[in-house]
Amino acid sequence: MRKPFVAGNWKMNMDGESSIALVKGIAAELDGDIRERVDVAVCPPFVYLAEVVSAARSTGIAVGAQDLYFEKNGAFTGEISTAMLKDVGCNYVLCGHSERRHVIGETDELINKKVTAAISGGLLPILCVGELLEQRDAGKTEEVVEKQIRAGLAGLNEARAMAVTIAYEPVWAIGTGRNATPQQAQEVHAMIRGLLAEMYGQKLAEQTRIQYGGSAKPDNAGELLRQPDIDGLLVGGASLKADSFAAIFRSV
């Protein structure tokens, strides 16, 4: 049985004071029963990671970074290594978020290097995949998602691939007012699980958690999480307020 996993991606929002207040607010909603039923994580901006880790200590809230660089150290101005993230107490790291792909311009090859570096450095990567609106309208959803997963996991054996969470983010449903229906999301999640079975075997496919990341909100979280292959949510704007984020993970 896969334990649901709900993660909040704060993106380029918050300040130090509000970050701590948000973590404390989320922690107040995490009673023992919820902790048993769902894994909860937050991904703040780099500059607030240490403060958030400190505030989240002993609350049951894990902390992830929004990105990393694949080199261990060196002359890479502005970049952050896995060792640095581990040093401040991170557990997870996002790799290949749609904004990194389509706004910053990251390639599948670069994302694969980041996934590989994260695992080697002791972090748990959340590999984000998903199609643009024109790709969905052209009927290329499965083609695009399969390419991104195969490229993102390239070179990983089964033992290392076990460390990866997949997050399916239909780019056309992020901040656009359009949402994928639970049935549309389930279709892609089922395809991803089938692809993982083809690549690594049924055991890994059944154990891998696949999150949905397309404008998840309190009013659609429950129906999404009732789908058999949706194992959690990667939440954007709704994770910036404790009450709305709590309503999402309580819907589990």
C-alpha atoms as a PDB file:
ATOM      1  CA  MET A   1       0.000   0.000   0.000  1.00  0.00           C
ATOM      2  CA  ARG A   2       1.468   3.328  -1.099  1.00  0.00           C
ATOM      3  CA  LYS A   3       1.303   6.020   1.579  1.00  0.00           C
ATOM      4  CA  PRO A   4      -0.062   9.261   0.096  1.00  0.00           C
ATOM      5  CA  PHE A   5       2.457  12.088  -0.232  1.00  0.00           C
ATOM      6  CA  VAL A   6       1.395  15.746  -0.332  1.00  0.00           C
ATOM      7  CA  ALA A   7       4.102  18.355  -0.961  1.00  0.00           C
ATOM      8  CA  GLY A   8       3.796  22.132  -1.114  1.00  0.00           C
ATOM      9  CA  ASN A   9       5.933  24.034  -3.621  1.00  0.00           C
ATOM     10  CA  TRP A  10       6.176  27.626  -2.419  1.00  0.00           C
ATOM     11  CA  LYS A  11       7.961  28.756  -5.593  1.00  0.00           C
ATOM     12  CA  MET A  12       9.309  32.358  -5.363  1.00  0.00           C
ATOM     13  CA  ASN A  13       7.038  33.420  -2.521  1.00  0.00           C
ATOM     14  CA  MET A  14       7.172  34.122   1.235  1.00  0.00           C
ATOM     15  CA  ASP A  15       9.718  35.806   3.492  1.00  0.00           C
ATOM     16  CA  GLY A  16      11.462  34.535   6.592  1.00  0.00           C
ATOM     17  CA  GLU A  17       8.753  35.483   9.083  1.00  0.00           C
ATOM     18  CA  SER A  18       5.855  34.226   7.000  1.00  0.00           C
ATOM     19  CA  SER A  19       7.718  30.985   6.198  1.00  0.00           C
ATOM     20  CA  ILE A  20       8.065  30.123   9.871  1.00  0.00           C
ATOM     21  CA  ALA A  21       4.469  31.110  10.575  1.00  0.00           C
ATOM     22  CA  LEU A  22       3.254  28.920   7.714  1.00  0.00           C
ATOM     23  CA  VAL A  23       5.182  25.871   8.896  1.00  0.00           C
ATOM     24  CA  LYS A  24       3.842  26.322  12.416  1.00  0.00           C
ATOM     25  CA  GLY A  25       0.330  26.679  11.054  1.00  0.00           C
ATOM     26  CA  ILE A  26       0.666  23.499   9.014  1.00  0.00           C
ATOM     27  CA  ALA A  27       2.136  21.642  11.989  1.00  0.00           C
ATOM     28  CA  ALA A  28      -0.865  22.613  14.105  1.00  0.00           C
ATOM     29  CA  GLU A  29      -3.073  20.742  11.625  1.00  0.00           C
ATOM     30  CA  LEU A  30      -0.930  17.600  11.638  1.00  0.00           C
ATOM     31  CA  ASP A  31      -2.340  15.424  14.373  1.00  0.00           C
ATOM     32  CA  GLY A  32      -1.116  11.896  14.974  1.00  0.00           C
ATOM     33  CA  ASP A  33      -3.787  10.293  12.803  1.00  0.00           C
ATOM     34  CA  ILE A  34      -2.909  12.468   9.822  1.00  0.00           C
ATOM     35  CA  ARG A  35       0.811  11.714  10.248  1.00  0.00           C
ATOM     36  CA  GLU A  36       0.029   8.015  10.085  1.00  0.00           C
ATOM     37  CA  ARG A  37      -2.029   8.397   6.927  1.00  0.00           C
ATOM     38  CA  VAL A  38      -0.045  10.865   4.799  1.00  0.00           C
ATOM     39  CA  ASP A  39       3.500  12.157   4.271  1.00  0.00           C
ATOM     40  CA  VAL A  40       3.663  15.962   4.159  1.00  0.00           C
ATOM     41  CA  ALA A  41       6.519  18.106   2.837  1.00  0.00           C
ATOM     42  CA  VAL A  42       7.123  21.758   2.003  1.00  0.00           C
ATOM     43  CA  CYS A  43       9.568  23.187  -0.540  1.00  0.00           C
ATOM     44  CA  PRO A  44      10.489  26.768   0.350  1.00  0.00           C
ATOM     45  CA  PRO A  45      12.926  29.048  -1.505  1.00  0.00           C
ATOM     46  CA  PHE A  46      16.617  28.311  -0.902  1.00  0.00           C
ATOM     47  CA  VAL A  47      17.169  31.301   1.385  1.00  0.00           C
ATOM     48  CA  TYR A  48      14.565  30.104   3.905  1.00  0.00           C
ATOM     49  CA  LEU A  49      15.422  26.397   3.939  1.00  0.00           C
ATOM     50  CA  ALA A  50      17.412  26.425   7.186  1.00  0.00           C
ATOM     51  CA  GLU A  51      14.734  28.435   9.021  1.00  0.00           C
ATOM     52  CA  VAL A  52      11.965  26.171   7.768  1.00  0.00           C
ATOM     53  CA  VAL A  53      13.886  23.014   8.674  1.00  0.00           C
ATOM     54  CA  SER A  54      14.374  24.372  12.198  1.00  0.00           C
ATOM     55  CA  ALA A  55      10.697  25.295  12.542  1.00  0.00           C
ATOM     56  CA  ALA A  56       9.567  21.938  11.133  1.00  0.00           C
ATOM     57  CA  ARG A  57      11.745  19.839  13.433  1.00  0.00           C
ATOM     58  CA  SER A  58       9.734  17.170  15.315  1.00  0.00           C
ATOM     59  CA  THR A  59       6.494  18.182  13.553  1.00  0.00           C
ATOM     60  CA  GLY A  60       6.353  15.396  10.982  1.00  0.00           C
ATOM     61  CA  ILE A  61       6.812  17.878   8.124  1.00  0.00           C
ATOM     62  CA  ALA A  62       9.636  17.034   5.720  1.00  0.00           C
ATOM     63  CA  VAL A  63      11.459  19.772   3.822  1.00  0.00           C
ATOM     64  CA  GLY A  64      12.518  19.775   0.204  1.00  0.00           C
ATOM     65  CA  ALA A  65      14.364  22.160  -2.084  1.00  0.00           C
ATOM     66  CA  GLN A  66      12.962  23.476  -5.348  1.00  0.00           C
ATOM     67  CA  ASP A  67      16.091  22.712  -7.378  1.00  0.00           C
ATOM     68  CA  LEU A  68      19.744  21.702  -7.159  1.00  0.00           C
ATOM     69  CA  TYR A  69      22.880  21.559  -9.301  1.00  0.00           C
ATOM     70  CA  PHE A  70      24.453  18.277 -10.327  1.00  0.00           C
ATOM     71  CA  GLU A  71      28.089  19.092  -9.540  1.00  0.00           C
ATOM     72  CA  LYS A  72      29.419  18.445  -6.034  1.00  0.00           C
ATOM     73  CA  ASN A  73      31.175  21.816  -5.715  1.00  0.00           C
ATOM     74  CA  GLY A  74      33.220  24.304  -7.697  1.00  0.00           C
ATOM     75  CA  ALA A  75      32.958  27.511  -9.721  1.00  0.00           C
ATOM     76  CA  PHE A  76      29.206  27.433 -10.354  1.00  0.00           C
ATOM     77  CA  THR A  77      28.031  30.842  -9.224  1.00  0.00           C
ATOM     78  CA  GLY A  78      24.515  30.883  -7.832  1.00  0.00           C
ATOM     79  CA  GLU A  79      24.093  27.103  -7.774  1.00  0.00           C
ATOM     80  CA  ILE A  80      23.339  24.822  -4.810  1.00  0.00           C
ATOM     81  CA  SER A  81      24.751  21.315  -4.323  1.00  0.00           C
ATOM     82  CA  THR A  82      23.215  18.213  -2.775  1.00  0.00           C
ATOM     83  CA  ALA A  83      25.703  18.418   0.085  1.00  0.00           C
ATOM     84  CA  MET A  84      24.526  21.938   0.891  1.00  0.00           C
ATOM     85  CA  LEU A  85      20.898  20.836   0.868  1.00  0.00           C
ATOM     86  CA  LYS A  86      21.642  17.871   3.091  1.00  0.00           C
ATOM     87  CA  ASP A  87      23.660  20.121   5.407  1.00  0.00           C
ATOM     88  CA  VAL A  88      20.634  22.332   6.111  1.00  0.00           C
ATOM     89  CA  GLY A  89      18.368  19.323   6.624  1.00  0.00           C
ATOM     90  CA  CYS A  90      16.549  18.746   3.336  1.00  0.00           C
ATOM     91  CA  ASN A  91      14.957  15.385   2.578  1.00  0.00           C
ATOM     92  CA  TYR A  92      13.509  15.975  -0.894  1.00  0.00           C
ATOM     93  CA  VAL A  93      14.309  18.011  -3.992  1.00  0.00           C
ATOM     94  CA  LEU A  94      12.206  18.897  -7.027  1.00  0.00           C
ATOM     95  CA  CYS A  95      13.792  18.054 -10.383  1.00  0.00           C
ATOM     96  CA  GLY A  96      12.447  19.279 -13.702  1.00  0.00           C
ATOM     97  CA  HIS A  97       9.495  21.295 -12.447  1.00  0.00           C
ATOM     98  CA  SER A  98       7.527  22.652 -15.409  1.00  0.00           C
ATOM     99  CA  GLU A  99       8.748  26.184 -14.737  1.00  0.00           C
ATOM    100  CA  ARG A 100      12.353  24.969 -14.762  1.00  0.00           C
ATOM    101  CA  ARG A 101      11.670  23.247 -18.082  1.00  0.00           C
ATOM    102  CA  HIS A 102       9.588  25.862 -19.866  1.00  0.00           C
ATOM    103  CA  VAL A 103      10.562  29.175 -18.261  1.00  0.00           C
ATOM    104  CA  ILE A 104      14.218  28.550 -17.373  1.00  0.00           C
ATOM    105  CA  GLY A 105      14.830  26.191 -20.310  1.00  0.00           C
ATOM    106  CA  GLU A 106      16.175  23.061 -18.618  1.00  0.00           C
ATOM    107  CA  THR A 107      16.627  20.042 -20.873  1.00  0.00           C
ATOM    108  CA  ASP A 108      15.849  16.385 -20.198  1.00  0.00           C
ATOM    109  CA  GLU A 109      19.596  15.700 -20.108  1.00  0.00           C
ATOM    110  CA  LEU A 110      20.207  18.325 -17.415  1.00  0.00           C
ATOM    111  CA  ILE A 111      17.240  17.102 -15.376  1.00  0.00           C
ATOM    112  CA  ASN A 112      18.580  13.551 -15.511  1.00  0.00           C
ATOM    113  CA  LYS A 113      21.906  14.765 -14.146  1.00  0.00           C
ATOM    114  CA  LYS A 114      20.071  16.454 -11.286  1.00  0.00           C
ATOM    115  CA  VAL A 115      18.006  13.353 -10.468  1.00  0.00           C
ATOM    116  CA  THR A 116      21.152  11.237 -10.484  1.00  0.00           C
ATOM    117  CA  ALA A 117      23.066  13.722  -8.324  1.00  0.00           C
ATOM    118  CA  ALA A 118      20.195  13.945  -5.843  1.00  0.00           C
ATOM    119  CA  ILE A 119      20.127  10.181  -5.307  1.00  0.00           C
ATOM    120  CA  SER A 120      23.904   9.959  -5.071  1.00  0.00           C
ATOM    121  CA  GLY A 121      23.840  12.757  -2.501  1.00  0.00           C
ATOM    122  CA  GLY A 122      21.212  11.108  -0.304  1.00  0.00           C
ATOM    123  CA  LEU A 123      18.209  13.196  -1.333  1.00  0.00           C
ATOM    124  CA  LEU A 124      14.856  11.918  -2.590  1.00  0.00           C
ATOM    125  CA  PRO A 125      14.074  13.485  -5.974  1.00  0.00           C
ATOM    126  CA  ILE A 126      10.584  14.371  -7.134  1.00  0.00           C
ATOM    127  CA  LEU A 127      10.806  14.122 -10.926  1.00  0.00           C
ATOM    128  CA  CYS A 128       8.240  16.424 -12.531  1.00  0.00           C
ATOM    129  CA  VAL A 129       6.838  15.609 -15.967  1.00  0.00           C
ATOM    130  CA  GLY A 130       3.974  16.931 -18.051  1.00  0.00           C
ATOM    131  CA  GLU A 131       2.785  18.241 -21.385  1.00  0.00           C
ATOM    132  CA  LEU A 132       2.020  21.700 -22.765  1.00  0.00           C
ATOM    133  CA  LEU A 133      -1.472  22.627 -23.990  1.00  0.00           C
ATOM    134  CA  GLU A 134      -0.526  22.337 -27.656  1.00  0.00           C
ATOM    135  CA  GLN A 135       0.956  18.889 -27.008  1.00  0.00           C
ATOM    136  CA  ARG A 136      -2.239  17.698 -25.311  1.00  0.00           C
ATOM    137  CA  ASP A 137      -4.407  19.127 -28.073  1.00  0.00           C
ATOM    138  CA  ALA A 138      -2.203  17.322 -30.616  1.00  0.00           C
ATOM    139  CA  GLY A 139      -2.738  14.015 -28.807  1.00  0.00           C
ATOM    140  CA  LYS A 140       0.909  13.791 -27.740  1.00  0.00           C
ATOM    141  CA  THR A 141       0.456  13.603 -23.956  1.00  0.00           C
ATOM    142  CA  GLU A 142       1.679  10.034 -23.563  1.00  0.00           C
ATOM    143  CA  GLU A 143       4.536  10.525 -26.025  1.00  0.00           C
ATOM    144  CA  VAL A 144       5.792  13.617 -24.182  1.00  0.00           C
ATOM    145  CA  VAL A 145       5.444  12.149 -20.690  1.00  0.00           C
ATOM    146  CA  GLU A 146       7.105   8.869 -21.675  1.00  0.00           C
ATOM    147  CA  LYS A 147      10.059  10.722 -23.204  1.00  0.00           C
ATOM    148  CA  GLN A 148      10.499  12.840 -20.080  1.00  0.00           C
ATOM    149  CA  ILE A 149      10.369   9.833 -17.745  1.00  0.00           C
ATOM    150  CA  ARG A 150      12.730   7.687 -19.790  1.00  0.00           C
ATOM    151  CA  ALA A 151      15.181  10.577 -20.070  1.00  0.00           C
ATOM    152  CA  GLY A 152      14.804  11.612 -16.418  1.00  0.00           C
ATOM    153  CA  LEU A 153      15.493   8.095 -15.150  1.00  0.00           C
ATOM    154  CA  ALA A 154      18.200   7.247 -17.700  1.00  0.00           C
ATOM    155  CA  GLY A 155      21.090   5.325 -16.194  1.00  0.00           C
ATOM    156  CA  LEU A 156      19.279   4.481 -12.950  1.00  0.00           C
ATOM    157  CA  ASN A 157      19.073   0.867 -11.903  1.00  0.00           C
ATOM    158  CA  GLU A 158      16.061  -0.435  -9.989  1.00  0.00           C
ATOM    159  CA  ALA A 159      17.561   0.213  -6.556  1.00  0.00           C
ATOM    160  CA  ARG A 160      18.261   3.862  -7.368  1.00  0.00           C
ATOM    161  CA  ALA A 161      14.983   4.394  -9.195  1.00  0.00           C
ATOM    162  CA  MET A 162      13.189   3.341  -6.012  1.00  0.00           C
ATOM    163  CA  ALA A 163      14.219   6.689  -4.494  1.00  0.00           C
ATOM    164  CA  VAL A 164      12.218   8.685  -7.056  1.00  0.00           C
ATOM    165  CA  THR A 165       8.728  10.108  -6.718  1.00  0.00           C
ATOM    166  CA  ILE A 166       7.083  11.062 -10.014  1.00  0.00           C
ATOM    167  CA  ALA A 167       4.910  14.193 -10.195  1.00  0.00           C
ATOM    168  CA  TYR A 168       2.657  14.503 -13.229  1.00  0.00           C
ATOM    169  CA  GLU A 169       2.016  18.196 -13.944  1.00  0.00           C
ATOM    170  CA  PRO A 170      -0.097  18.962 -16.996  1.00  0.00           C
ATOM    171  CA  VAL A 171       1.430  22.353 -17.760  1.00  0.00           C
ATOM    172  CA  TRP A 172      -1.820  23.578 -19.299  1.00  0.00           C
ATOM    173  CA  ALA A 173      -3.554  23.121 -15.919  1.00  0.00           C
ATOM    174  CA  ILE A 174      -1.102  25.100 -13.769  1.00  0.00           C
ATOM    175  CA  GLY A 175      -2.337  28.579 -12.896  1.00  0.00           C
ATOM    176  CA  THR A 176      -4.484  28.814 -16.041  1.00  0.00           C
ATOM    177  CA  GLY A 177      -7.925  28.248 -14.582  1.00  0.00           C
ATOM    178  CA  ARG A 178      -8.182  24.985 -16.530  1.00  0.00           C
ATOM    179  CA  ASN A 179      -7.971  21.753 -14.582  1.00  0.00           C
ATOM    180  CA  ALA A 180      -7.431  18.214 -15.709  1.00  0.00           C
ATOM    181  CA  THR A 181     -10.411  16.135 -14.652  1.00  0.00           C
ATOM    182  CA  PRO A 182      -9.665  13.356 -12.153  1.00  0.00           C
ATOM    183  CA  GLN A 183     -10.278  10.894 -14.980  1.00  0.00           C
ATOM    184  CA  GLN A 184      -7.795  12.635 -17.281  1.00  0.00           C
ATOM    185  CA  ALA A 185      -5.204  12.697 -14.501  1.00  0.00           C
ATOM    186  CA  GLN A 186      -5.817   9.033 -13.689  1.00  0.00           C
ATOM    187  CA  GLU A 187      -5.324   8.021 -17.316  1.00  0.00           C
ATOM    188  CA  VAL A 188      -1.851   9.554 -17.394  1.00  0.00           C
ATOM    189  CA  HIS A 189      -0.937   8.211 -13.945  1.00  0.00           C
ATOM    190  CA  ALA A 190      -1.935   4.709 -15.026  1.00  0.00           C
ATOM    191  CA  MET A 191       0.178   5.109 -18.167  1.00  0.00           C
ATOM    192  CA  ILE A 192       3.155   6.197 -16.063  1.00  0.00           C
ATOM    193  CA  ARG A 193       2.786   3.206 -13.754  1.00  0.00           C
ATOM    194  CA  GLY A 194       2.621   0.913 -16.759  1.00  0.00           C
ATOM    195  CA  LEU A 195       5.763   2.514 -18.177  1.00  0.00           C
ATOM    196  CA  LEU A 196       7.603   2.018 -14.874  1.00  0.00           C
ATOM    197  CA  ALA A 197       6.566  -1.641 -14.910  1.00  0.00           C
ATOM    198  CA  GLU A 198       7.962  -1.967 -18.419  1.00  0.00           C
ATOM    199  CA  MET A 199      11.214  -0.265 -17.437  1.00  0.00           C
ATOM    200  CA  TYR A 200      11.806  -1.755 -13.992  1.00  0.00           C
ATOM    201  CA  GLY A 201       9.227  -4.432 -13.264  1.00  0.00           C
ATOM    202  CA  GLN A 202       5.861  -4.600 -11.560  1.00  0.00           C
ATOM    203  CA  LYS A 203       7.210  -4.425  -7.997  1.00  0.00           C
ATOM    204  CA  LEU A 204       8.859  -1.040  -8.478  1.00  0.00           C
ATOM    205  CA  ALA A 205       5.847   0.246 -10.415  1.00  0.00           C
ATOM    206  CA  GLU A 206       3.511  -0.716  -7.576  1.00  0.00           C
ATOM    207  CA  GLN A 207       5.743   0.893  -4.950  1.00  0.00           C
ATOM    208  CA  THR A 208       6.484   4.195  -6.727  1.00  0.00           C
ATOM    209  CA  ARG A 209       4.392   7.145  -5.615  1.00  0.00           C
ATOM    210  CA  ILE A 210       3.011   9.284  -8.434  1.00  0.00           C
ATOM    211  CA  GLN A 211       1.754  12.720  -7.428  1.00  0.00           C
ATOM    212  CA  TYR A 212      -0.585  14.950  -9.399  1.00  0.00           C
ATOM    213  CA  GLY A 213       0.516  18.560  -9.749  1.00  0.00           C
ATOM    214  CA  GLY A 214      -1.989  20.528 -11.808  1.00  0.00           C
ATOM    215  CA  SER A 215      -3.610  23.266  -9.690  1.00  0.00           C
ATOM    216  CA  ALA A 216      -4.606  21.003  -6.813  1.00  0.00           C
ATOM    217  CA  LYS A 217      -6.982  22.773  -4.421  1.00  0.00           C
ATOM    218  CA  PRO A 218      -9.135  21.808  -1.429  1.00  0.00           C
ATOM    219  CA  ASP A 219     -12.208  21.479  -3.626  1.00  0.00           C
ATOM    220  CA  ASN A 220     -10.679  18.972  -6.069  1.00  0.00           C
ATOM    221  CA  ALA A 221      -8.116  17.180  -3.878  1.00  0.00           C
ATOM    222  CA  GLY A 222     -10.458  14.526  -2.538  1.00  0.00           C
ATOM    223  CA  GLU A 223     -11.685  13.383  -5.919  1.00  0.00           C
ATOM    224  CA  LEU A 224      -8.161  13.346  -7.330  1.00  0.00           C
ATOM    225  CA  LEU A 225      -6.869  11.266  -4.423  1.00  0.00           C
ATOM    226  CA  ARG A 226      -9.659   8.726  -4.876  1.00  0.00           C
ATOM    227  CA  GLN A 227      -8.164   7.726  -8.225  1.00  0.00           C
ATOM    228  CA  PRO A 228      -6.305   4.406  -7.936  1.00  0.00           C
ATOM    229  CA  ASP A 229      -2.984   5.597  -9.393  1.00  0.00           C
ATOM    230  CA  ILE A 230      -2.833   9.090  -7.848  1.00  0.00           C
ATOM    231  CA  ASP A 231      -0.737   8.747  -4.703  1.00  0.00           C
ATOM    232  CA  GLY A 232      -0.537  12.358  -3.612  1.00  0.00           C
ATOM    233  CA  LEU A 233      -0.391  15.947  -4.762  1.00  0.00           C
ATOM    234  CA  LEU A 234       2.272  18.526  -5.574  1.00  0.00           C
ATOM    235  CA  VAL A 235       0.542  21.733  -4.518  1.00  0.00           C
ATOM    236  CA  GLY A 236       1.426  25.254  -5.630  1.00  0.00           C
ATOM    237  CA  GLY A 237      -0.593  28.320  -4.608  1.00  0.00           C
ATOM    238  CA  ALA A 238      -2.868  26.429  -2.223  1.00  0.00           C
ATOM    239  CA  SER A 239       0.172  25.445  -0.136  1.00  0.00           C
ATOM    240  CA  LEU A 240       0.877  29.081   0.794  1.00  0.00           C
ATOM    241  CA  LYS A 241      -1.899  29.175   3.404  1.00  0.00           C
ATOM    242  CA  ALA A 242      -2.002  26.703   6.254  1.00  0.00           C
ATOM    243  CA  ASP A 243      -5.775  26.231   6.162  1.00  0.00           C
ATOM    244  CA  SER A 244      -5.989  25.460   2.444  1.00  0.00           C
ATOM    245  CA  PHE A 245      -2.930  23.186   2.512  1.00  0.00           C
ATOM    246  CA  ALA A 246      -4.288  21.383   5.579  1.00  0.00           C
ATOM    247  CA  ALA A 247      -7.647  20.906   3.852  1.00  0.00           C
ATOM    248  CA  ILE A 248      -5.784  19.195   1.008  1.00  0.00           C
ATOM    249  CA  PHE A 249      -3.800  16.718   3.076  1.00  0.00           C
ATOM    250  CA  ARG A 250      -6.785  16.090   5.350  1.00  0.00           C
ATOM    251  CA  SER A 251      -8.760  15.016   2.282  1.00  0.00           C
ATOM    252  CA  VAL A 252      -6.619  11.879   2.245  1.00  0.00           C
END
